[in-house]
Amino acid sequence: MDLRPLPVVYRPARRLPQLVVGLALYGTSMAMQVRGALGLNPWDVLHQGLEQRLPLSFGVITAITGVAVLLLWIPLRQRPGIGTVANVVVIALSVDAALALIPEAHGWPTRVALMAGGIVLNGLATALYVGARLGPGPRDGLMTGLAARTGASIRVVRTGIEVVVLGTGWLLGGTVGLGTVLYALAIGPLTQLFLPWVRVRTPGGDDLVAPAPPAGRSMR
């Protein structure tokens, strides 16, 4: 059996469904990591910390922070795409739906399974919606916009943003732990692994897609 990735083809009818599926799975993966309670990625640490301080659901808070980040795009002159808007809406809805369906985890085997499964699913989900090439997520646009305006490297800007976000979320009561470290180490390689199987060629004719995120970067 030939296990090589399928050839990349231009399939415009596939891009929007792939985007939506990827974002829905992303929200589901977030919920799995929340239920695992062994540590979240920096932005979700912030979301969880805010959830503990505000009478709002986790999904609503992700949407609010997404909109707030989008407002920061204005002085940075970043242009949103359909994927940018869908990122805010679909992830917010899917993470709340998944949290309603996935029960609280009790016992280490269940918690570890939810954490590990959530991280792997997050890598696949990231590859799906990045591979659809319909616009960056709000947080990605903030990162690239700041890098362009300041002249700093993507890695420096990303690290600065995530340190601030993680620290703020931790002070608010968000969960930092083993899952936070594993996510940082695994998300880049996992996304890179899945991306060749799901990338979509665009009308420009090339079959390249945005590179997978560096370790620790959340592609949202």
Foldseek 3Di string as FASTA:
>chain_A
DDPDADDAEADLVVLVVLLLVLLLLLLLLQLLLVLLLAADFLQLLLLVLVVVVDVDDSLVSQLVVQVVLLVVVVVLVDDFFPSQVSNSVSSSVNNVVNNVVDDRDDDNVSSVCSLVVSLLSNLLSLLRNQLSVGGFYSVVSSLVSVCVVVVDDSVVSQVVVSVVSNVNSVVSPGRHHPSNVCSQAPNQVSNQVNNSNRHHDDPVPDRDTPHGDHRSDRRD
